[in-house]
Amino acid sequence: MLVIGLAERPGSNLLGGETLRHFFYLKMKELSIFVDESGDFGPYAKHSPYYIVSMVFHDQTIDITEDIKKLDESLINLGFADHTIHTEPLIRKEEDYAELDPNLRRAILTKRT
C-alpha cells in the first residue's frame, strides 16, 4: 500500500476508529489517480514563472457527476462553454489564453466546485 504523507502507528485507530489499511483495502473498491504537470524546468521566463503539478485522487465508488456539472457551470459563467482546461497554455499565456486578463486566468486555474 502506498500512502504519501500518512503513516499509521501500530495500534492506532484513525478515520473514526478504522485503520488506514481497512479504509484503503476494504472501503475503496477502485481508486483513480490523475497526475498532470505543466511548466518548464528551463531558465526563468517572465511570461511563465510557475511550474505546477496537479493530482486528483478519486474513489470510484463516489459519484462526482454533480461536482463536474458545477465546475462546467462556473466555467460557462467565465465565458468558457464546452471548454477543457489545459494548464500549460493557461499558465504560459498561450493559445486560447494569450489575451486573457491575469485575474481571469487565475479564476480559471483556481476554479473549484
C-alpha atoms as a PDB file:
ATOM      1  CA  MET A   1       0.000   0.000   0.000  1.00  0.00           C
ATOM      2  CA  LEU A   2       1.347   3.429  -0.954  1.00  0.00           C
ATOM      3  CA  VAL A   3       0.127   6.358   1.093  1.00  0.00           C
ATOM      4  CA  ILE A   4       2.038   9.570   0.622  1.00  0.00           C
ATOM      5  CA  GLY A   5       2.294  11.800   3.665  1.00  0.00           C
ATOM      6  CA  LEU A   6       0.497   9.464   6.065  1.00  0.00           C
ATOM      7  CA  ALA A   7       1.918   6.976   8.485  1.00  0.00           C
ATOM      8  CA  GLU A   8      -0.024   4.604  10.686  1.00  0.00           C
ATOM      9  CA  ARG A   9       1.468   3.797  14.065  1.00  0.00           C
ATOM     10  CA  PRO A  10       0.949   0.257  15.317  1.00  0.00           C
ATOM     11  CA  GLY A  11      -2.226   0.097  17.346  1.00  0.00           C
ATOM     12  CA  SER A  12      -3.516   3.473  16.217  1.00  0.00           C
ATOM     13  CA  ASN A  13      -7.096   3.943  15.186  1.00  0.00           C
ATOM     14  CA  LEU A  14      -7.623   6.541  12.516  1.00  0.00           C
ATOM     15  CA  LEU A  15     -10.607   7.694  10.490  1.00  0.00           C
ATOM     16  CA  GLY A  16     -13.196   7.250  13.191  1.00  0.00           C
ATOM     17  CA  GLY A  17     -11.799   4.020  14.617  1.00  0.00           C
ATOM     18  CA  GLU A  18     -10.836   2.453  11.296  1.00  0.00           C
ATOM     19  CA  THR A  19      -7.226   1.810  10.413  1.00  0.00           C
ATOM     20  CA  LEU A  20      -5.796   3.126   7.156  1.00  0.00           C
ATOM     21  CA  ARG A  21      -5.410  -0.435   5.918  1.00  0.00           C
ATOM     22  CA  HIS A  22      -9.105  -1.101   6.474  1.00  0.00           C
ATOM     23  CA  PHE A  23     -10.037   2.155   4.736  1.00  0.00           C
ATOM     24  CA  PHE A  24      -7.907   1.582   1.642  1.00  0.00           C
ATOM     25  CA  TYR A  25      -8.349  -2.163   1.239  1.00  0.00           C
ATOM     26  CA  LEU A  26     -11.962  -2.707   2.209  1.00  0.00           C
ATOM     27  CA  LYS A  27     -13.800   0.546   1.561  1.00  0.00           C
ATOM     28  CA  MET A  28     -12.193   1.838  -1.584  1.00  0.00           C
ATOM     29  CA  LYS A  29     -13.048  -0.512  -4.433  1.00  0.00           C
ATOM     30  CA  GLU A  30     -11.226   1.384  -7.182  1.00  0.00           C
ATOM     31  CA  LEU A  31      -9.004   4.426  -6.910  1.00  0.00           C
ATOM     32  CA  SER A  32      -8.286   6.548  -9.966  1.00  0.00           C
ATOM     33  CA  ILE A  33      -5.237   8.774  -9.839  1.00  0.00           C
ATOM     34  CA  PHE A  34      -4.715  11.573 -12.336  1.00  0.00           C
ATOM     35  CA  VAL A  35      -1.419  13.473 -12.397  1.00  0.00           C
ATOM     36  CA  ASP A  36      -0.736  16.420 -14.675  1.00  0.00           C
ATOM     37  CA  GLU A  37       2.248  18.706 -14.781  1.00  0.00           C
ATOM     38  CA  SER A  38       2.740  21.965 -16.541  1.00  0.00           C
ATOM     39  CA  GLY A  39       5.539  24.427 -16.861  1.00  0.00           C
ATOM     40  CA  ASP A  40       9.173  24.497 -17.771  1.00  0.00           C
ATOM     41  CA  PHE A  41      12.223  23.493 -15.723  1.00  0.00           C
ATOM     42  CA  GLY A  42      14.382  25.550 -18.067  1.00  0.00           C
ATOM     43  CA  PRO A  43      15.683  29.060 -17.478  1.00  0.00           C
ATOM     44  CA  TYR A  44      13.287  31.525 -15.867  1.00  0.00           C
ATOM     45  CA  ALA A  45      10.940  33.173 -18.335  1.00  0.00           C
ATOM     46  CA  LYS A  46       8.926  36.211 -17.276  1.00  0.00           C
ATOM     47  CA  HIS A  47       5.838  35.044 -19.190  1.00  0.00           C
ATOM     48  CA  SER A  48       5.745  31.654 -17.421  1.00  0.00           C
ATOM     49  CA  PRO A  49       7.356  31.836 -13.979  1.00  0.00           C
ATOM     50  CA  TYR A  50       5.444  28.917 -12.446  1.00  0.00           C
ATOM     51  CA  TYR A  51       5.557  25.134 -12.556  1.00  0.00           C
ATOM     52  CA  ILE A  52       2.516  23.220 -11.335  1.00  0.00           C
ATOM     53  CA  VAL A  53       1.782  19.600 -10.525  1.00  0.00           C
ATOM     54  CA  SER A  54      -1.885  18.685 -10.138  1.00  0.00           C
ATOM     55  CA  MET A  55      -3.037  15.436  -8.583  1.00  0.00           C
ATOM     56  CA  VAL A  56      -6.566  14.105  -8.360  1.00  0.00           C
ATOM     57  CA  PHE A  57      -7.379  11.018  -6.296  1.00  0.00           C
ATOM     58  CA  HIS A  58     -10.885   9.731  -6.949  1.00  0.00           C
ATOM     59  CA  ASP A  59     -12.569   6.867  -5.144  1.00  0.00           C
ATOM     60  CA  GLN A  60     -14.724   5.489  -7.965  1.00  0.00           C
ATOM     61  CA  THR A  61     -17.462   4.491  -5.530  1.00  0.00           C
ATOM     62  CA  ILE A  62     -18.196   8.216  -5.048  1.00  0.00           C
ATOM     63  CA  ASP A  63     -20.313   9.835  -7.762  1.00  0.00           C
ATOM     64  CA  ILE A  64     -18.872  13.218  -8.787  1.00  0.00           C
ATOM     65  CA  THR A  65     -21.376  13.976 -11.554  1.00  0.00           C
ATOM     66  CA  GLU A  66     -22.859  16.953  -9.687  1.00  0.00           C
ATOM     67  CA  ASP A  67     -19.394  18.343  -8.950  1.00  0.00           C
ATOM     68  CA  ILE A  68     -18.493  18.153 -12.646  1.00  0.00           C
ATOM     69  CA  LYS A  69     -21.746  19.926 -13.543  1.00  0.00           C
ATOM     70  CA  LYS A  70     -20.948  22.722 -11.068  1.00  0.00           C
ATOM     71  CA  LEU A  71     -17.438  23.108 -12.493  1.00  0.00           C
ATOM     72  CA  ASP A  72     -18.827  23.252 -16.041  1.00  0.00           C
ATOM     73  CA  GLU A  73     -21.399  25.867 -14.979  1.00  0.00           C
ATOM     74  CA  SER A  74     -18.767  28.027 -13.308  1.00  0.00           C
ATOM     75  CA  LEU A  75     -16.579  27.867 -16.441  1.00  0.00           C
ATOM     76  CA  ILE A  76     -19.598  28.830 -18.562  1.00  0.00           C
ATOM     77  CA  ASN A  77     -20.096  31.835 -16.259  1.00  0.00           C
ATOM     78  CA  LEU A  78     -16.491  32.829 -17.009  1.00  0.00           C
ATOM     79  CA  GLY A  79     -17.203  32.579 -20.756  1.00  0.00           C
ATOM     80  CA  PHE A  80     -15.735  29.128 -21.388  1.00  0.00           C
ATOM     81  CA  ALA A  81     -18.611  26.905 -22.503  1.00  0.00           C
ATOM     82  CA  ASP A  82     -17.615  23.358 -23.532  1.00  0.00           C
ATOM     83  CA  HIS A  83     -14.003  24.096 -22.682  1.00  0.00           C
ATOM     84  CA  THR A  84     -11.329  21.728 -21.452  1.00  0.00           C
ATOM     85  CA  ILE A  85      -8.806  23.461 -19.239  1.00  0.00           C
ATOM     86  CA  HIS A  86      -5.207  22.969 -20.349  1.00  0.00           C
ATOM     87  CA  THR A  87      -2.936  24.224 -17.597  1.00  0.00           C
ATOM     88  CA  GLU A  88       0.288  24.630 -19.597  1.00  0.00           C
ATOM     89  CA  PRO A  89      -1.025  27.244 -22.059  1.00  0.00           C
ATOM     90  CA  LEU A  90      -3.101  28.798 -19.266  1.00  0.00           C
ATOM     91  CA  ILE A  91      -0.018  29.352 -17.104  1.00  0.00           C
ATOM     92  CA  ARG A  92       2.161  30.397 -20.033  1.00  0.00           C
ATOM     93  CA  LYS A  93      -0.423  32.792 -21.549  1.00  0.00           C
ATOM     94  CA  GLU A  94      -0.530  30.847 -24.808  1.00  0.00           C
ATOM     95  CA  GLU A  95      -3.174  29.670 -27.282  1.00  0.00           C
ATOM     96  CA  ASP A  96      -6.745  30.341 -26.065  1.00  0.00           C
ATOM     97  CA  TYR A  97      -5.404  32.184 -23.018  1.00  0.00           C
ATOM     98  CA  ALA A  98      -2.914  34.569 -24.692  1.00  0.00           C
ATOM     99  CA  GLU A  99      -5.105  37.667 -24.498  1.00  0.00           C
ATOM    100  CA  LEU A 100      -6.868  36.971 -21.200  1.00  0.00           C
ATOM    101  CA  ASP A 101      -6.684  39.260 -18.211  1.00  0.00           C
ATOM    102  CA  PRO A 102      -4.424  37.781 -15.464  1.00  0.00           C
ATOM    103  CA  ASN A 103      -7.339  37.745 -12.997  1.00  0.00           C
ATOM    104  CA  LEU A 104      -9.480  35.709 -15.399  1.00  0.00           C
ATOM    105  CA  ARG A 105      -6.647  33.233 -15.977  1.00  0.00           C
ATOM    106  CA  ARG A 106      -6.241  32.921 -12.209  1.00  0.00           C
ATOM    107  CA  ALA A 107     -10.004  32.405 -11.800  1.00  0.00           C
ATOM    108  CA  ILE A 108      -9.915  29.555 -14.332  1.00  0.00           C
ATOM    109  CA  LEU A 109      -6.838  27.977 -12.760  1.00  0.00           C
ATOM    110  CA  THR A 110      -8.250  28.052  -9.249  1.00  0.00           C
ATOM    111  CA  LYS A 111     -11.857  27.175 -10.162  1.00  0.00           C
ATOM    112  CA  ARG A 112     -13.363  24.517  -7.957  1.00  0.00           C
ATOM    113  CA  THR A 113     -16.841  23.299  -7.170  1.00  0.00           C
END
